[in-house]
Amino acid sequence: MPLIVLWDIDHTLIENSGVSKEIYAAAFAAAAGRVPIRPARTEGRTDRLILAEMFRDHDMQPPPWEQILVALEAAGAGRETDLAQRGRALPGVREALVAVAEEPGMISSVLTGNIAANARVKLTAFGLDALLDMGCGAYGEHSADRAALVKVARDHIQQVHRLSPDTPVVLIGDTPRDVQAALDSDAHVVAVASGIHSVEELSVAGASTVFSDLRDVCALMDHLRSLADIAD
């Protein structure tokens, strides 16, 4: 049985070291016509939700999403160098992505709250983009609801790769929002305590499989293969 593997980006695959907050601040300033006085609240939220909350935090009505999207794309464009200099790919990530990409039957893509353009900027900065089928991913412009993104990615991948509708999906992420998105969409979840949430917090959120990071690639691959075998 094939397996669809969906990866979160920030704090799961990479550490952006504040570049994301700068992108949101710049996008807000461009769309609102004023500099923000409060930072973006991220932590597993989608870009749609992050910017809407930023406007509400400043007692402003959010403009149409299309206007925000243009501002976000402009704010993220060309930030690869900043990311590469200040951020990093997290431990074990490159090896894990290579292992999944080389595993027969596994389709490896992205499920992220970032809009597609900025997701590509972040992954390109660390040379990770070529290890993922980014064309089939689900991104922040698709929905404000992270669980809805699972369906977006599932449907797209099933169509492009001609997979059965019952092909299992596993979401790999670092926040309780990732865990809840998987639970709400009938997907498996692998939680990684590489962000601000501990192994215990992610377990309490409902993740039955939690790794402290992605360095144990053999353990990760054994678990992913078991999910495909269970579905089969």
Protein backbone atom coordinates (compact mmCIF):
# COMPACT_ATOMS: atom_id res chain seq x y z
CA MET A 1 0.00 0.00 0.00
CA PRO A 2 1.39 3.46 -0.88
CA LEU A 3 1.72 6.09 1.85
CA ILE A 4 1.27 9.85 1.55
CA VAL A 5 3.73 11.68 3.82
CA LEU A 6 2.98 15.35 4.50
CA TRP A 7 5.60 17.52 6.18
CA ASP A 8 5.12 20.76 8.08
CA ILE A 9 7.97 23.23 7.45
CA ASP A 10 8.71 25.70 10.26
CA HIS A 11 10.24 24.04 13.34
CA THR A 12 9.69 20.61 11.78
CA LEU A 13 12.06 20.83 8.81
CA ILE A 14 13.73 24.19 9.38
CA GLU A 15 14.43 26.86 11.99
CA ASN A 16 13.68 30.25 10.41
CA SER A 17 15.27 32.28 13.25
CA GLY A 18 12.80 35.14 13.15
CA VAL A 19 12.63 35.59 9.37
CA SER A 20 8.99 34.47 9.35
CA LYS A 21 8.02 37.14 11.87
CA GLU A 22 9.76 39.74 9.70
CA ILE A 23 7.84 38.56 6.63
CA TYR A 24 4.53 38.86 8.46
CA ALA A 25 5.43 42.31 9.77
CA ALA A 26 6.38 43.51 6.28
CA ALA A 27 3.22 42.04 4.75
CA PHE A 28 1.07 43.65 7.41
CA ALA A 29 2.74 47.03 6.88
CA ALA A 30 2.20 46.82 3.12
CA ALA A 31 -1.45 45.79 3.43
CA ALA A 32 -2.35 48.02 6.40
CA GLY A 33 -0.32 51.09 5.56
CA ARG A 34 1.21 51.16 9.04
CA VAL A 35 3.95 49.36 10.95
CA PRO A 36 2.65 46.70 13.35
CA ILE A 37 3.07 47.32 17.06
CA ARG A 38 2.35 43.69 17.96
CA PRO A 39 4.13 40.67 16.47
CA ALA A 40 2.42 37.93 14.52
CA ARG A 41 1.16 34.97 16.51
CA THR A 42 2.25 31.89 14.58
CA GLU A 43 2.62 28.50 16.39
CA GLY A 44 0.98 26.20 13.86
CA ARG A 45 -1.44 28.75 12.42
CA THR A 46 -2.00 29.20 8.69
CA ASP A 47 -1.03 32.42 6.94
CA ARG A 48 -4.68 33.28 6.43
CA LEU A 49 -5.30 33.01 10.16
CA ILE A 50 -2.03 34.71 11.18
CA LEU A 51 -2.67 37.84 9.13
CA ALA A 52 -6.37 38.01 10.01
CA GLU A 53 -5.44 37.87 13.70
CA MET A 54 -2.74 40.50 13.20
CA PHE A 55 -5.31 42.91 11.83
CA ARG A 56 -7.74 42.16 14.64
CA ASP A 57 -4.93 42.59 17.21
CA HIS A 58 -4.50 46.10 15.80
CA ASP A 59 -8.25 46.82 15.90
CA MET A 60 -8.45 46.74 12.12
CA GLN A 61 -10.65 44.86 9.67
CA PRO A 62 -8.58 42.51 7.48
CA PRO A 63 -8.55 43.49 3.80
CA PRO A 64 -9.48 40.95 1.12
CA TRP A 65 -7.27 37.85 1.17
CA GLU A 66 -6.05 38.52 -2.38
CA GLN A 67 -4.48 41.78 -1.17
CA ILE A 68 -2.82 40.04 1.76
CA LEU A 69 -1.54 37.26 -0.50
CA VAL A 70 0.21 39.75 -2.78
CA ALA A 71 1.77 41.43 0.26
CA LEU A 72 2.96 38.11 1.68
CA GLU A 73 4.52 37.02 -1.60
CA ALA A 74 6.36 40.34 -1.91
CA ALA A 75 7.54 40.21 1.69
CA GLY A 76 8.91 36.69 1.30
CA ALA A 77 10.53 37.11 -2.09
CA GLY A 78 14.32 37.02 -2.05
CA ARG A 79 14.66 35.99 1.61
CA GLU A 80 16.61 32.82 0.81
CA THR A 81 19.96 34.37 1.74
CA ASP A 82 18.67 35.68 5.07
CA LEU A 83 17.24 32.26 5.89
CA ALA A 84 20.42 30.44 4.92
CA GLN A 85 22.60 32.80 6.97
CA ARG A 86 20.42 32.99 10.08
CA GLY A 87 18.41 29.77 10.05
CA ARG A 88 19.16 26.09 9.55
CA ALA A 89 17.74 22.76 8.50
CA LEU A 90 16.94 20.88 11.69
CA PRO A 91 18.89 17.76 12.78
CA GLY A 92 18.18 14.67 10.72
CA VAL A 93 15.84 16.45 8.32
CA ARG A 94 17.85 16.07 5.13
CA GLU A 95 18.51 12.40 5.81
CA ALA A 96 14.85 11.78 6.64
CA LEU A 97 13.62 13.50 3.48
CA VAL A 98 16.06 11.54 1.35
CA ALA A 99 14.99 8.26 2.95
CA VAL A 100 11.29 8.92 2.35
CA ALA A 101 11.92 10.14 -1.20
CA GLU A 102 13.81 6.94 -2.01
CA GLU A 103 11.26 4.58 -0.40
CA PRO A 104 9.13 2.80 -3.02
CA GLY A 105 5.46 3.68 -2.70
CA MET A 106 5.91 6.74 -0.47
CA ILE A 107 4.87 10.14 -1.81
CA SER A 108 6.50 12.95 0.14
CA SER A 109 4.95 16.42 0.02
CA VAL A 110 4.21 19.49 2.12
CA LEU A 111 1.38 20.57 4.39
CA THR A 112 2.14 24.01 5.74
CA GLY A 113 0.44 27.17 6.88
CA ASN A 114 2.85 29.13 4.67
CA ILE A 115 1.65 30.29 1.30
CA ALA A 116 3.22 28.25 -1.52
CA ALA A 117 5.63 30.98 -2.66
CA ASN A 118 7.09 31.47 0.80
CA ALA A 119 7.19 27.73 1.50
CA ARG A 120 9.35 27.34 -1.58
CA VAL A 121 11.61 30.22 -0.47
CA LYS A 122 12.15 28.56 2.91
CA LEU A 123 12.92 25.10 1.55
CA THR A 124 15.05 26.37 -1.33
CA ALA A 125 17.21 28.28 1.16
CA PHE A 126 18.41 24.94 2.55
CA GLY A 127 18.27 22.86 -0.64
CA LEU A 128 15.32 20.79 0.60
CA ASP A 129 12.79 21.68 -2.10
CA ALA A 130 14.02 19.04 -4.56
CA LEU A 131 13.37 16.28 -2.00
CA LEU A 132 9.61 16.97 -1.91
CA ASP A 133 6.77 16.93 -4.42
CA MET A 134 5.85 20.54 -3.72
CA GLY A 135 3.44 20.75 -6.63
CA CYS A 136 1.05 18.42 -4.79
CA GLY A 137 1.25 20.10 -1.40
CA ALA A 138 -1.28 22.07 0.61
CA TYR A 139 -0.50 25.65 1.57
CA GLY A 140 -1.75 28.56 3.60
CA GLU A 141 -3.65 30.14 0.72
CA HIS A 142 -5.86 27.07 0.42
CA SER A 143 -7.61 27.42 3.78
CA ALA A 144 -7.42 29.06 7.18
CA ASP A 145 -8.13 25.64 8.72
CA ARG A 146 -5.16 23.30 8.96
CA ALA A 147 -7.35 20.17 8.94
CA ALA A 148 -8.86 21.28 5.62
CA LEU A 149 -5.34 21.37 4.19
CA VAL A 150 -5.01 17.62 4.75
CA LYS A 151 -7.93 17.03 2.38
CA VAL A 152 -6.46 19.45 -0.16
CA ALA A 153 -3.14 17.59 -0.20
CA ARG A 154 -4.76 14.14 -0.10
CA ASP A 155 -7.06 14.88 -3.04
CA HIS A 156 -4.32 16.47 -5.14
CA ILE A 157 -1.80 13.70 -4.55
CA GLN A 158 -4.35 10.97 -5.20
CA GLN A 159 -5.27 12.60 -8.49
CA VAL A 160 -1.74 13.33 -9.71
CA HIS A 161 -0.26 9.99 -8.63
CA ARG A 162 -3.41 7.99 -9.42
CA LEU A 163 -3.75 6.57 -5.95
CA SER A 164 -6.71 4.87 -4.34
CA PRO A 165 -8.99 7.12 -2.22
CA ASP A 166 -8.15 4.95 0.80
CA THR A 167 -4.39 5.56 0.54
CA PRO A 168 -3.22 6.34 4.08
CA VAL A 169 -1.87 9.77 4.97
CA VAL A 170 0.57 10.71 7.72
CA LEU A 171 1.19 14.27 8.83
CA ILE A 172 4.56 15.11 10.40
CA GLY A 173 4.59 18.30 12.47
CA ASP A 174 5.72 19.96 15.67
CA THR A 175 2.61 21.56 17.22
CA PRO A 176 -0.66 20.46 18.80
CA ARG A 177 -2.37 22.12 15.83
CA ASP A 178 -0.63 19.63 13.54
CA VAL A 179 -1.77 16.78 15.77
CA GLN A 180 -5.35 18.04 15.83
CA ALA A 181 -5.39 18.54 12.07
CA ALA A 182 -4.43 14.90 11.57
CA LEU A 183 -6.98 13.66 14.10
CA ASP A 184 -9.73 15.78 12.53
CA SER A 185 -8.98 14.51 9.03
CA ASP A 186 -8.55 10.79 9.70
CA ALA A 187 -4.81 10.92 9.06
CA HIS A 188 -1.95 9.40 11.01
CA VAL A 189 0.38 11.76 12.81
CA VAL A 190 4.05 11.76 13.75
CA ALA A 191 4.80 14.62 16.13
CA VAL A 192 8.32 16.01 16.45
CA ALA A 193 9.34 17.99 19.54
CA SER A 194 11.70 20.21 17.56
CA GLY A 195 9.73 23.40 18.16
CA ILE A 196 8.43 24.93 21.39
CA HIS A 197 6.30 21.94 22.41
CA SER A 198 7.70 19.05 24.43
CA VAL A 199 7.25 15.34 23.82
CA GLU A 200 4.79 15.26 26.72
CA GLU A 201 2.74 18.18 25.37
CA LEU A 202 2.47 16.57 21.95
CA SER A 203 1.47 13.24 23.49
CA VAL A 204 -1.21 14.93 25.58
CA ALA A 205 -2.47 16.61 22.40
CA GLY A 206 -3.20 13.15 21.00
CA ALA A 207 -0.07 12.05 19.13
CA SER A 208 0.64 8.38 19.75
CA THR A 209 4.04 8.62 18.03
CA VAL A 210 6.40 11.43 19.08
CA PHE A 211 10.09 11.86 18.32
CA SER A 212 12.32 14.40 20.03
CA ASP A 213 13.79 15.21 16.59
CA LEU A 214 14.29 13.51 13.21
CA ARG A 215 17.80 12.18 13.75
CA ASP A 216 16.70 8.56 14.21
CA VAL A 217 15.85 8.03 10.55
CA CYS A 218 15.71 4.25 10.92
CA ALA A 219 13.03 4.50 13.63
CA LEU A 220 11.06 6.99 11.57
CA MET A 221 11.18 4.81 8.46
CA ASP A 222 10.22 1.69 10.41
CA HIS A 223 7.17 3.52 11.72
CA LEU A 224 6.17 4.89 8.31
CA ARG A 225 6.49 1.44 6.75
CA SER A 226 4.31 0.03 9.52
CA LEU A 227 1.57 2.53 8.66
CA ALA A 228 1.60 1.39 5.05
CA ASP A 229 1.57 -2.27 6.16
CA ILE A 230 -1.35 -1.68 8.55
CA ALA A 231 -3.36 -0.07 5.75
CA ASP A 232 -2.53 -2.95 3.45
